[in-house]
N, C-alpha and C. Protein backbone atom coordinates (compact mmCIF):
# COMPACT_ATOMS: atom_id res chain seq x y z
N MET A 1 0.83 -1.16 0.00
CA MET A 1 0.00 0.00 0.00
C MET A 1 0.89 1.25 0.00
N PHE A 2 0.65 2.13 -0.93
CA PHE A 2 1.41 3.37 -1.00
C PHE A 2 0.88 4.34 0.05
N VAL A 3 1.77 4.96 0.79
CA VAL A 3 1.39 5.95 1.80
C VAL A 3 2.35 7.13 1.71
N THR A 4 1.92 8.26 2.23
CA THR A 4 2.83 9.40 2.30
C THR A 4 3.81 9.16 3.44
N GLU A 5 4.92 9.86 3.41
CA GLU A 5 5.89 9.68 4.48
C GLU A 5 5.31 10.11 5.82
N LYS A 6 4.47 11.11 5.80
CA LYS A 6 3.83 11.57 7.04
C LYS A 6 2.96 10.46 7.65
N GLU A 7 2.22 9.74 6.83
CA GLU A 7 1.40 8.63 7.31
C GLU A 7 2.28 7.48 7.80
N ALA A 8 3.37 7.20 7.09
CA ALA A 8 4.25 6.08 7.43
C ALA A 8 4.90 6.28 8.79
N LYS A 9 5.19 7.50 9.15
CA LYS A 9 5.86 7.76 10.42
C LYS A 9 5.00 7.41 11.63
N PHE A 10 3.72 7.08 11.43
CA PHE A 10 2.86 6.65 12.52
C PHE A 10 2.54 5.16 12.44
N ARG A 11 3.31 4.42 11.67
CA ARG A 11 3.16 2.96 11.58
C ARG A 11 4.40 2.32 12.19
N TYR A 12 4.20 1.16 12.78
CA TYR A 12 5.32 0.48 13.43
C TYR A 12 6.18 -0.26 12.42
N CYS A 13 7.48 -0.25 12.68
CA CYS A 13 8.43 -0.97 11.85
C CYS A 13 8.79 -2.29 12.54
N PRO A 14 8.73 -3.41 11.85
CA PRO A 14 9.06 -4.69 12.48
C PRO A 14 10.56 -4.86 12.77
N LEU A 15 11.40 -4.03 12.17
CA LEU A 15 12.84 -4.15 12.38
C LEU A 15 13.39 -3.24 13.48
N LEU A 16 12.69 -2.16 13.76
CA LEU A 16 13.19 -1.21 14.76
C LEU A 16 12.57 -1.50 16.12
N LYS A 17 13.44 -1.74 17.09
CA LYS A 17 12.97 -2.00 18.45
C LYS A 17 13.83 -1.24 19.44
N THR A 18 13.24 -0.89 20.58
CA THR A 18 13.97 -0.22 21.64
C THR A 18 14.75 -1.25 22.44
N HIS A 19 15.53 -0.79 23.40
CA HIS A 19 16.32 -1.70 24.22
C HIS A 19 15.44 -2.63 25.07
N ASP A 20 14.19 -2.23 25.34
CA ASP A 20 13.29 -3.10 26.11
C ASP A 20 12.28 -3.82 25.20
N ASP A 21 12.64 -3.99 23.93
CA ASP A 21 11.89 -4.79 22.95
C ASP A 21 10.53 -4.21 22.53
N LYS A 22 10.37 -2.91 22.61
CA LYS A 22 9.15 -2.27 22.12
C LYS A 22 9.39 -1.81 20.69
N MET A 23 8.37 -1.88 19.87
CA MET A 23 8.52 -1.49 18.47
C MET A 23 8.57 0.03 18.33
N LYS A 24 9.35 0.49 17.35
CA LYS A 24 9.47 1.92 17.06
C LYS A 24 8.72 2.24 15.77
N PHE A 25 8.50 3.51 15.52
CA PHE A 25 7.80 3.95 14.33
C PHE A 25 8.72 3.96 13.10
N CYS A 26 8.11 3.92 11.94
CA CYS A 26 8.79 3.96 10.66
C CYS A 26 9.62 5.24 10.53
N LEU A 27 10.75 5.14 9.86
CA LEU A 27 11.62 6.29 9.63
C LEU A 27 11.38 6.96 8.28
N GLY A 28 10.57 6.34 7.44
CA GLY A 28 10.28 6.91 6.13
C GLY A 28 11.52 6.95 5.25
N THR A 29 11.82 8.09 4.68
CA THR A 29 12.94 8.21 3.75
C THR A 29 14.30 8.03 4.41
N MET A 30 14.36 8.05 5.72
CA MET A 30 15.61 7.84 6.43
C MET A 30 15.96 6.35 6.55
N CYS A 31 15.09 5.48 6.09
CA CYS A 31 15.29 4.03 6.18
C CYS A 31 15.76 3.47 4.83
N MET A 32 16.63 2.46 4.88
CA MET A 32 17.12 1.83 3.65
C MET A 32 16.03 1.06 2.93
N MET A 33 14.98 0.65 3.64
CA MET A 33 13.91 -0.15 3.04
C MET A 33 12.84 0.70 2.36
N TRP A 34 12.82 2.02 2.62
CA TRP A 34 11.80 2.90 2.04
C TRP A 34 11.98 3.00 0.54
N ARG A 35 10.92 2.80 -0.20
CA ARG A 35 10.94 2.91 -1.66
C ARG A 35 9.96 3.99 -2.09
N ALA A 36 10.41 4.93 -2.88
CA ALA A 36 9.56 6.02 -3.35
C ALA A 36 8.70 5.55 -4.50
N ALA A 37 7.41 5.83 -4.43
CA ALA A 37 6.49 5.50 -5.51
C ALA A 37 6.36 6.70 -6.45
N ASP A 38 6.32 7.87 -5.88
CA ASP A 38 6.33 9.12 -6.64
C ASP A 38 6.90 10.21 -5.72
N ALA A 39 6.69 11.47 -6.05
CA ALA A 39 7.31 12.56 -5.29
C ALA A 39 6.82 12.64 -3.84
N GLU A 40 5.60 12.21 -3.57
CA GLU A 40 5.07 12.38 -2.22
C GLU A 40 4.68 11.10 -1.50
N SER A 41 4.73 9.97 -2.15
CA SER A 41 4.35 8.73 -1.47
C SER A 41 5.37 7.62 -1.73
N GLY A 42 5.25 6.56 -0.93
CA GLY A 42 6.16 5.44 -1.07
C GLY A 42 5.62 4.23 -0.32
N TYR A 43 6.51 3.26 -0.06
CA TYR A 43 6.10 2.05 0.64
C TYR A 43 7.33 1.41 1.28
N CYS A 44 7.08 0.47 2.18
CA CYS A 44 8.17 -0.27 2.81
C CYS A 44 8.62 -1.36 1.85
N GLY A 45 9.87 -1.33 1.45
CA GLY A 45 10.39 -2.33 0.53
C GLY A 45 10.48 -3.71 1.14
N LEU A 46 10.47 -3.78 2.46
CA LEU A 46 10.51 -5.07 3.15
C LEU A 46 9.27 -5.89 2.84
N ALA A 47 8.16 -5.24 2.63
CA ALA A 47 6.90 -5.93 2.37
C ALA A 47 6.72 -6.28 0.89
N GLY A 48 7.62 -5.83 0.04
CA GLY A 48 7.48 -6.08 -1.39
C GLY A 48 6.78 -4.92 -2.09
N ASN A 49 6.75 -4.96 -3.39
CA ASN A 49 6.14 -3.88 -4.17
C ASN A 49 4.63 -4.07 -4.24
N PRO A 50 3.84 -3.12 -3.71
CA PRO A 50 2.38 -3.29 -3.72
C PRO A 50 1.78 -3.23 -5.12
N ALA A 51 2.42 -2.57 -6.07
CA ALA A 51 1.90 -2.49 -7.43
C ALA A 51 1.95 -3.86 -8.09
N VAL A 52 2.99 -4.63 -7.83
CA VAL A 52 3.11 -5.98 -8.37
C VAL A 52 2.05 -6.89 -7.76
N ALA A 53 1.80 -6.74 -6.48
CA ALA A 53 0.78 -7.54 -5.81
C ALA A 53 -0.61 -7.24 -6.36
N LEU A 54 -0.89 -5.98 -6.64
CA LEU A 54 -2.19 -5.61 -7.20
C LEU A 54 -2.36 -6.16 -8.63
N ALA A 55 -1.29 -6.14 -9.41
CA ALA A 55 -1.34 -6.64 -10.77
C ALA A 55 -1.56 -8.15 -10.79
N ALA A 56 -1.00 -8.84 -9.82
CA ALA A 56 -1.16 -10.30 -9.76
C ALA A 56 -2.59 -10.71 -9.43
N LYS A 57 -3.31 -9.86 -8.70
CA LYS A 57 -4.70 -10.16 -8.34
C LYS A 57 -5.63 -10.01 -9.54
N SER A 58 -5.28 -9.13 -10.47
CA SER A 58 -6.16 -8.85 -11.62
C SER A 58 -6.15 -9.95 -12.65
């Protein structure tokens, strides 16, 4: 699912955890896994490309 970076920053990242094992929020463009879809939105590359998943359903 494509989201804006502002929306992504309020979603939990499965890779980022605190020292007491709590999940942290997405870093957006500061993360190596972030993939830009266009100038204002993107997706987590860890989950795969959502456009390919949508095309496979059709």
